[in-house]
């Protein structure tokens, strides 16, 4: 079974725009769902102070997982 190699930059940008979408792009459905739910909750719950941190972390993790997958492909 072959998997399409995902572009780490694309994964990072997608997750930076909408947290979790980069994870969906990578095929990590549950990770994407996690970021899609947690990030808006922190934006609202913290008055915006923690939401931007989740955006960055989601983007970094999407990039790293795509890069790691590409290295093993």
PDB file of N, CA and C in Angstrom:
ATOM      1  N   UNK A   1       0.849  -1.180   0.000  1.00  0.00           N
ATOM      2  CA  UNK A   1       0.000   0.000   0.000  1.00  0.00           C
ATOM      3  C   UNK A   1       0.891   1.239   0.000  1.00  0.00           C
ATOM      4  N   UNK A   2       0.709   2.116  -0.953  1.00  0.00           N
ATOM      5  CA  UNK A   2       1.523   3.320  -1.038  1.00  0.00           C
ATOM      6  C   UNK A   2       0.713   4.529  -0.590  1.00  0.00           C
ATOM      7  N   UNK A   3       1.395   5.429   0.058  1.00  0.00           N
ATOM      8  CA  UNK A   3       0.761   6.665   0.515  1.00  0.00           C
ATOM      9  C   UNK A   3       1.379   7.829  -0.248  1.00  0.00           C
ATOM     10  N   UNK A   4       0.560   8.800  -0.584  1.00  0.00           N
ATOM     11  CA  UNK A   4       1.066   9.986  -1.246  1.00  0.00           C
ATOM     12  C   UNK A   4       1.894  10.792  -0.258  1.00  0.00           C
ATOM     13  N   UNK A   5       3.033  11.274  -0.706  1.00  0.00           N
ATOM     14  CA  UNK A   5       3.891  12.080   0.146  1.00  0.00           C
ATOM     15  C   UNK A   5       3.269  13.465   0.271  1.00  0.00           C
ATOM     16  N   UNK A   6       3.126  13.919   1.489  1.00  0.00           N
ATOM     17  CA  UNK A   6       2.514  15.218   1.763  1.00  0.00           C
ATOM     18  C   UNK A   6       3.595  16.280   1.906  1.00  0.00           C
ATOM     19  N   UNK A   7       3.291  17.468   1.433  1.00  0.00           N
ATOM     20  CA  UNK A   7       4.217  18.589   1.521  1.00  0.00           C
ATOM     21  C   UNK A   7       4.133  19.200   2.924  1.00  0.00           C
ATOM     22  N   UNK A   8       5.245  19.210   3.677  1.00  0.00           N
ATOM     23  CA  UNK A   8       5.215  19.769   5.034  1.00  0.00           C
ATOM     24  C   UNK A   8       4.815  21.241   5.070  1.00  0.00           C
ATOM     25  N   UNK A   9       5.242  22.015   4.088  1.00  0.00           N
ATOM     26  CA  UNK A   9       4.885  23.432   4.045  1.00  0.00           C
ATOM     27  C   UNK A   9       3.394  23.643   3.875  1.00  0.00           C
ATOM     28  N   UNK A  10       2.789  22.840   3.022  1.00  0.00           N
ATOM     29  CA  UNK A  10       1.342  22.923   2.816  1.00  0.00           C
ATOM     30  C   UNK A  10       0.603  22.560   4.095  1.00  0.00           C
ATOM     31  N   UNK A  11       1.060  21.497   4.753  1.00  0.00           N
ATOM     32  CA  UNK A  11       0.429  21.072   6.010  1.00  0.00           C
ATOM     33  C   UNK A  11       0.515  22.179   7.053  1.00  0.00           C
ATOM     34  N   UNK A  12       1.672  22.828   7.139  1.00  0.00           N
ATOM     35  CA  UNK A  12       1.858  23.895   8.128  1.00  0.00           C
ATOM     36  C   UNK A  12       0.955  25.089   7.838  1.00  0.00           C
ATOM     37  N   UNK A  13       0.886  25.506   6.588  1.00  0.00           N
ATOM     38  CA  UNK A  13       0.064  26.664   6.228  1.00  0.00           C
ATOM     39  C   UNK A  13      -1.420  26.367   6.450  1.00  0.00           C
ATOM     40  N   UNK A  14      -1.847  25.176   6.066  1.00  0.00           N
ATOM     41  CA  UNK A  14      -3.251  24.818   6.272  1.00  0.00           C
ATOM     42  C   UNK A  14      -3.621  24.871   7.752  1.00  0.00           C
ATOM     43  N   UNK A  15      -2.738  24.347   8.605  1.00  0.00           N
ATOM     44  CA  UNK A  15      -3.033  24.357  10.039  1.00  0.00           C
ATOM     45  C   UNK A  15      -2.885  25.749  10.642  1.00  0.00           C
ATOM     46  N   UNK A  16      -2.085  26.585  10.031  1.00  0.00           N
ATOM     47  CA  UNK A  16      -1.962  27.954  10.530  1.00  0.00           C
ATOM     48  C   UNK A  16      -3.235  28.742  10.215  1.00  0.00           C
ATOM     49  N   UNK A  17      -3.818  28.490   9.055  1.00  0.00           N
ATOM     50  CA  UNK A  17      -5.050  29.177   8.672  1.00  0.00           C
ATOM     51  C   UNK A  17      -6.224  28.664   9.506  1.00  0.00           C
ATOM     52  N   UNK A  18      -6.395  27.347   9.530  1.00  0.00           N
ATOM     53  CA  UNK A  18      -7.456  26.719  10.331  1.00  0.00           C
ATOM     54  C   UNK A  18      -6.822  25.541  11.069  1.00  0.00           C
ATOM     55  N   UNK A  19      -6.635  25.667  12.372  1.00  0.00           N
ATOM     56  CA  UNK A  19      -5.987  24.599  13.128  1.00  0.00           C
ATOM     57  C   UNK A  19      -6.700  23.264  12.934  1.00  0.00           C
ATOM     58  N   UNK A  20      -5.910  22.252  12.614  1.00  0.00           N
ATOM     59  CA  UNK A  20      -6.450  20.916  12.402  1.00  0.00           C
ATOM     60  C   UNK A  20      -6.520  20.520  10.940  1.00  0.00           C
ATOM     61  N   UNK A  21      -6.624  21.491  10.042  1.00  0.00           N
ATOM     62  CA  UNK A  21      -6.745  21.171   8.625  1.00  0.00           C
ATOM     63  C   UNK A  21      -5.445  20.578   8.085  1.00  0.00           C
ATOM     64  N   UNK A  22      -4.319  21.026   8.572  1.00  0.00           N
ATOM     65  CA  UNK A  22      -3.037  20.437   8.169  1.00  0.00           C
ATOM     66  C   UNK A  22      -2.928  18.988   8.612  1.00  0.00           C
ATOM     67  N   UNK A  23      -3.482  18.678   9.782  1.00  0.00           N
ATOM     68  CA  UNK A  23      -3.489  17.299  10.254  1.00  0.00           C
ATOM     69  C   UNK A  23      -4.409  16.444   9.374  1.00  0.00           C
ATOM     70  N   UNK A  24      -5.561  16.997   8.984  1.00  0.00           N
ATOM     71  CA  UNK A  24      -6.445  16.282   8.068  1.00  0.00           C
ATOM     72  C   UNK A  24      -5.727  16.015   6.743  1.00  0.00           C
ATOM     73  N   UNK A  25      -5.012  17.014   6.255  1.00  0.00           N
ATOM     74  CA  UNK A  25      -4.226  16.885   5.019  1.00  0.00           C
ATOM     75  C   UNK A  25      -3.211  15.744   5.151  1.00  0.00           C
ATOM     76  N   UNK A  26      -2.618  15.604   6.322  1.00  0.00           N
ATOM     77  CA  UNK A  26      -1.643  14.542   6.568  1.00  0.00           C
ATOM     78  C   UNK A  26      -2.297  13.181   6.774  1.00  0.00           C
ATOM     79  N   UNK A  27      -3.601  13.149   6.929  1.00  0.00           N
ATOM     80  CA  UNK A  27      -4.291  11.893   7.177  1.00  0.00           C
ATOM     81  C   UNK A  27      -4.465  11.575   8.652  1.00  0.00           C
ATOM     82  N   UNK A  28      -4.172  12.535   9.525  1.00  0.00           N
ATOM     83  CA  UNK A  28      -4.311  12.362  10.981  1.00  0.00           C
ATOM     84  C   UNK A  28      -5.666  12.912  11.422  1.00  0.00           C
ATOM     85  N   UNK A  29      -6.717  12.136  11.193  1.00  0.00           N
ATOM     86  CA  UNK A  29      -8.067  12.623  11.439  1.00  0.00           C
ATOM     87  C   UNK A  29      -8.290  13.038  12.895  1.00  0.00           C
ATOM     88  N   UNK A  30      -7.941  12.174  13.845  1.00  0.00           N
ATOM     89  CA  UNK A  30      -8.229  12.475  15.248  1.00  0.00           C
ATOM     90  C   UNK A  30      -7.373  13.620  15.779  1.00  0.00           C
ATOM     91  N   UNK A  31      -6.146  13.741  15.303  1.00  0.00           N
ATOM     92  CA  UNK A  31      -5.315  14.891  15.693  1.00  0.00           C
ATOM     93  C   UNK A  31      -5.922  16.181  15.142  1.00  0.00           C
ATOM     94  N   UNK A  32      -6.396  16.133  13.906  1.00  0.00           N
ATOM     95  CA  UNK A  32      -7.031  17.301  13.307  1.00  0.00           C
ATOM     96  C   UNK A  32      -8.294  17.698  14.048  1.00  0.00           C
ATOM     97  N   UNK A  33      -9.087  16.709  14.416  1.00  0.00           N
ATOM     98  CA  UNK A  33     -10.305  16.971  15.176  1.00  0.00           C
ATOM     99  C   UNK A  33      -9.979  17.603  16.531  1.00  0.00           C
ATOM    100  N   UNK A  34      -8.929  17.105  17.170  1.00  0.00           N
ATOM    101  CA  UNK A  34      -8.490  17.664  18.449  1.00  0.00           C
ATOM    102  C   UNK A  34      -8.179  19.151  18.313  1.00  0.00           C
ATOM    103  N   UNK A  35      -7.333  19.512  17.340  1.00  0.00           N
ATOM    104  CA  UNK A  35      -6.956  20.914  17.173  1.00  0.00           C
ATOM    105  C   UNK A  35      -8.133  21.770  16.734  1.00  0.00           C
ATOM    106  N   UNK A  36      -9.014  21.190  15.942  1.00  0.00           N
ATOM    107  CA  UNK A  36     -10.186  21.930  15.467  1.00  0.00           C
ATOM    108  C   UNK A  36     -11.136  22.268  16.607  1.00  0.00           C
ATOM    109  N   UNK A  37     -11.168  21.448  17.643  1.00  0.00           N
ATOM    110  CA  UNK A  37     -12.038  21.687  18.795  1.00  0.00           C
ATOM    111  C   UNK A  37     -11.339  22.513  19.877  1.00  0.00           C
ATOM    112  N   UNK A  38     -10.091  22.168  20.177  1.00  0.00           N
ATOM    113  CA  UNK A  38      -9.379  22.802  21.292  1.00  0.00           C
ATOM    114  C   UNK A  38      -9.030  24.264  21.003  1.00  0.00           C
ATOM    115  N   UNK A  39      -8.568  24.554  19.812  1.00  0.00           N
ATOM    116  CA  UNK A  39      -8.114  25.918  19.513  1.00  0.00           C
ATOM    117  C   UNK A  39      -9.221  26.963  19.654  1.00  0.00           C
ATOM    118  N   UNK A  40     -10.396  26.776  19.048  1.00  0.00           N
ATOM    119  CA  UNK A  40     -11.447  27.784  19.271  1.00  0.00           C
ATOM    120  C   UNK A  40     -11.853  27.887  20.742  1.00  0.00           C
ATOM    121  N   UNK A  41     -11.834  26.746  21.433  1.00  0.00           N
ATOM    122  CA  UNK A  41     -12.156  26.773  22.863  1.00  0.00           C
ATOM    123  C   UNK A  41     -11.192  27.641  23.647  1.00  0.00           C
ATOM    124  N   UNK A  42      -9.909  27.548  23.298  1.00  0.00           N
ATOM    125  CA  UNK A  42      -8.927  28.379  23.999  1.00  0.00           C
ATOM    126  C   UNK A  42      -8.991  29.838  23.557  1.00  0.00           C
ATOM    127  N   UNK A  43      -9.325  30.079  22.286  1.00  0.00           N
ATOM    128  CA  UNK A  43      -9.511  31.469  21.848  1.00  0.00           C
ATOM    129  C   UNK A  43     -10.619  32.123  22.671  1.00  0.00           C
ATOM    130  N   UNK A  44     -11.723  31.404  22.800  1.00  0.00           N
ATOM    131  CA  UNK A  44     -12.880  31.950  23.521  1.00  0.00           C
ATOM    132  C   UNK A  44     -12.641  31.954  25.024  1.00  0.00           C
ATOM    133  N   UNK A  45     -12.152  30.835  25.547  1.00  0.00           N
ATOM    134  CA  UNK A  45     -11.985  30.688  26.989  1.00  0.00           C
ATOM    135  C   UNK A  45     -10.932  31.592  27.598  1.00  0.00           C
ATOM    136  N   UNK A  46      -9.913  31.950  26.818  1.00  0.00           N
ATOM    137  CA  UNK A  46      -8.849  32.785  27.370  1.00  0.00           C
ATOM    138  C   UNK A  46      -8.912  34.217  26.860  1.00  0.00           C
ATOM    139  N   UNK A  47      -9.962  34.558  26.168  1.00  0.00           N
ATOM    140  CA  UNK A  47     -10.067  35.908  25.628  1.00  0.00           C
ATOM    141  C   UNK A  47      -9.047  36.172  24.529  1.00  0.00           C
ATOM    142  N   UNK A  48      -8.601  35.114  23.845  1.00  0.00           N
ATOM    143  CA  UNK A  48      -7.662  35.269  22.732  1.00  0.00           C
ATOM    144  C   UNK A  48      -6.219  35.101  23.091  1.00  0.00           C
ATOM    145  N   UNK A  49      -5.907  35.005  24.379  1.00  0.00           N
ATOM    146  CA  UNK A  49      -4.500  34.945  24.770  1.00  0.00           C
ATOM    147  C   UNK A  49      -3.845  33.603  24.452  1.00  0.00           C
ATOM    148  N   UNK A  50      -4.584  32.492  24.526  1.00  0.00           N
ATOM    149  CA  UNK A  50      -3.992  31.178  24.290  1.00  0.00           C
ATOM    150  C   UNK A  50      -4.306  30.620  22.903  1.00  0.00           C
ATOM    151  N   UNK A  51      -5.255  31.206  22.222  1.00  0.00           N
ATOM    152  CA  UNK A  51      -5.630  30.709  20.904  1.00  0.00           C
ATOM    153  C   UNK A  51      -4.506  30.782  19.895  1.00  0.00           C
ATOM    154  N   UNK A  52      -3.753  31.870  19.904  1.00  0.00           N
ATOM    155  CA  UNK A  52      -2.660  31.999  18.941  1.00  0.00           C
ATOM    156  C   UNK A  52      -1.575  30.970  19.201  1.00  0.00           C
ATOM    157  N   UNK A  53      -1.378  30.581  20.449  1.00  0.00           N
ATOM    158  CA  UNK A  53      -0.383  29.557  20.769  1.00  0.00           C
ATOM    159  C   UNK A  53      -0.812  28.225  20.147  1.00  0.00           C
ATOM    160  N   UNK A  54      -2.085  27.894  20.236  1.00  0.00           N
ATOM    161  CA  UNK A  54      -2.596  26.663  19.625  1.00  0.00           C
ATOM    162  C   UNK A  54      -2.451  26.705  18.112  1.00  0.00           C
ATOM    163  N   UNK A  55      -2.674  27.852  17.506  1.00  0.00           N
ATOM    164  CA  UNK A  55      -2.490  27.967  16.062  1.00  0.00           C
ATOM    165  C   UNK A  55      -1.059  27.600  15.684  1.00  0.00           C
ATOM    166  N   UNK A  56      -0.106  28.147  16.403  1.00  0.00           N
ATOM    167  CA  UNK A  56       1.307  27.899  16.101  1.00  0.00           C
ATOM    168  C   UNK A  56       1.670  26.440  16.363  1.00  0.00           C
ATOM    169  N   UNK A  57       1.236  25.897  17.493  1.00  0.00           N
ATOM    170  CA  UNK A  57       1.554  24.504  17.816  1.00  0.00           C
ATOM    171  C   UNK A  57       0.928  23.552  16.797  1.00  0.00           C
ATOM    172  N   UNK A  58      -0.308  23.796  16.401  1.00  0.00           N
ATOM    173  CA  UNK A  58      -0.960  22.957  15.394  1.00  0.00           C
ATOM    174  C   UNK A  58      -0.193  23.000  14.079  1.00  0.00           C
ATOM    175  N   UNK A  59       0.276  24.171  13.708  1.00  0.00           N
ATOM    176  CA  UNK A  59       1.034  24.323  12.474  1.00  0.00           C
ATOM    177  C   UNK A  59       2.369  23.586  12.547  1.00  0.00           C
ATOM    178  N   UNK A  60       3.061  23.728  13.654  1.00  0.00           N
ATOM    179  CA  UNK A  60       4.355  23.059  13.825  1.00  0.00           C
ATOM    180  C   UNK A  60       4.190  21.543  13.813  1.00  0.00           C
ATOM    181  N   UNK A  61       3.186  21.030  14.520  1.00  0.00           N
ATOM    182  CA  UNK A  61       3.013  19.582  14.556  1.00  0.00           C
ATOM    183  C   UNK A  61       2.610  19.032  13.189  1.00  0.00           C
ATOM    184  N   UNK A  62       1.793  19.758  12.447  1.00  0.00           N
ATOM    185  CA  UNK A  62       1.421  19.316  11.097  1.00  0.00           C
ATOM    186  C   UNK A  62       2.660  19.267  10.210  1.00  0.00           C
ATOM    187  N   UNK A  63       3.513  20.274  10.313  1.00  0.00           N
ATOM    188  CA  UNK A  63       4.753  20.309   9.530  1.00  0.00           C
ATOM    189  C   UNK A  63       5.665  19.141   9.884  1.00  0.00           C
ATOM    190  N   UNK A  64       5.881  18.941  11.160  1.00  0.00           N
ATOM    191  CA  UNK A  64       6.795  17.872  11.603  1.00  0.00           C
ATOM    192  C   UNK A  64       6.293  16.486  11.224  1.00  0.00           C
ATOM    193  N   UNK A  65       4.989  16.248  11.353  1.00  0.00           N
ATOM    194  CA  UNK A  65       4.453  14.923  11.015  1.00  0.00           C
ATOM    195  C   UNK A  65       4.517  14.683   9.508  1.00  0.00           C
ATOM    196  N   UNK A  66       4.297  15.705   8.704  1.00  0.00           N
ATOM    197  CA  UNK A  66       4.414  15.552   7.250  1.00  0.00           C
ATOM    198  C   UNK A  66       5.872  15.325   6.856  1.00  0.00           C
ATOM    199  N   UNK A  67       6.774  16.034   7.505  1.00  0.00           N
ATOM    200  CA  UNK A  67       8.206  15.867   7.216  1.00  0.00           C
ATOM    201  C   UNK A  67       8.674  14.475   7.602  1.00  0.00           C
ATOM    202  N   UNK A  68       8.228  13.995   8.771  1.00  0.00           N
ATOM    203  CA  UNK A  68       8.604  12.662   9.235  1.00  0.00           C
ATOM    204  C   UNK A  68       8.046  11.594   8.294  1.00  0.00           C
ATOM    205  N   UNK A  69       6.808  11.768   7.854  1.00  0.00           N
ATOM    206  CA  UNK A  69       6.202  10.807   6.932  1.00  0.00           C
ATOM    207  C   UNK A  69       6.943  10.792   5.597  1.00  0.00           C
ATOM    208  N   UNK A  70       7.380  11.967   5.136  1.00  0.00           N
ATOM    209  CA  UNK A  70       8.109  12.054   3.874  1.00  0.00           C
ATOM    210  C   UNK A  70       9.479  11.378   3.992  1.00  0.00           C
ATOM    211  N   UNK A  71      10.088  11.451   5.163  1.00  0.00           N
ATOM    212  CA  UNK A  71      11.400  10.841   5.374  1.00  0.00           C
ATOM    213  C   UNK A  71      11.319   9.322   5.330  1.00  0.00           C
ATOM    214  N   UNK A  72      10.175   8.771   5.756  1.00  0.00           N
ATOM    215  CA  UNK A  72      10.011   7.320   5.763  1.00  0.00           C
ATOM    216  C   UNK A  72       9.397   6.783   4.483  1.00  0.00           C
ATOM    217  N   UNK A  73       8.999   7.680   3.593  1.00  0.00           N
ATOM    218  CA  UNK A  73       8.351   7.231   2.335  1.00  0.00           C
ATOM    219  C   UNK A  73       9.376   6.774   1.327  1.00  0.00           C
TER     220      UNK A  73
END
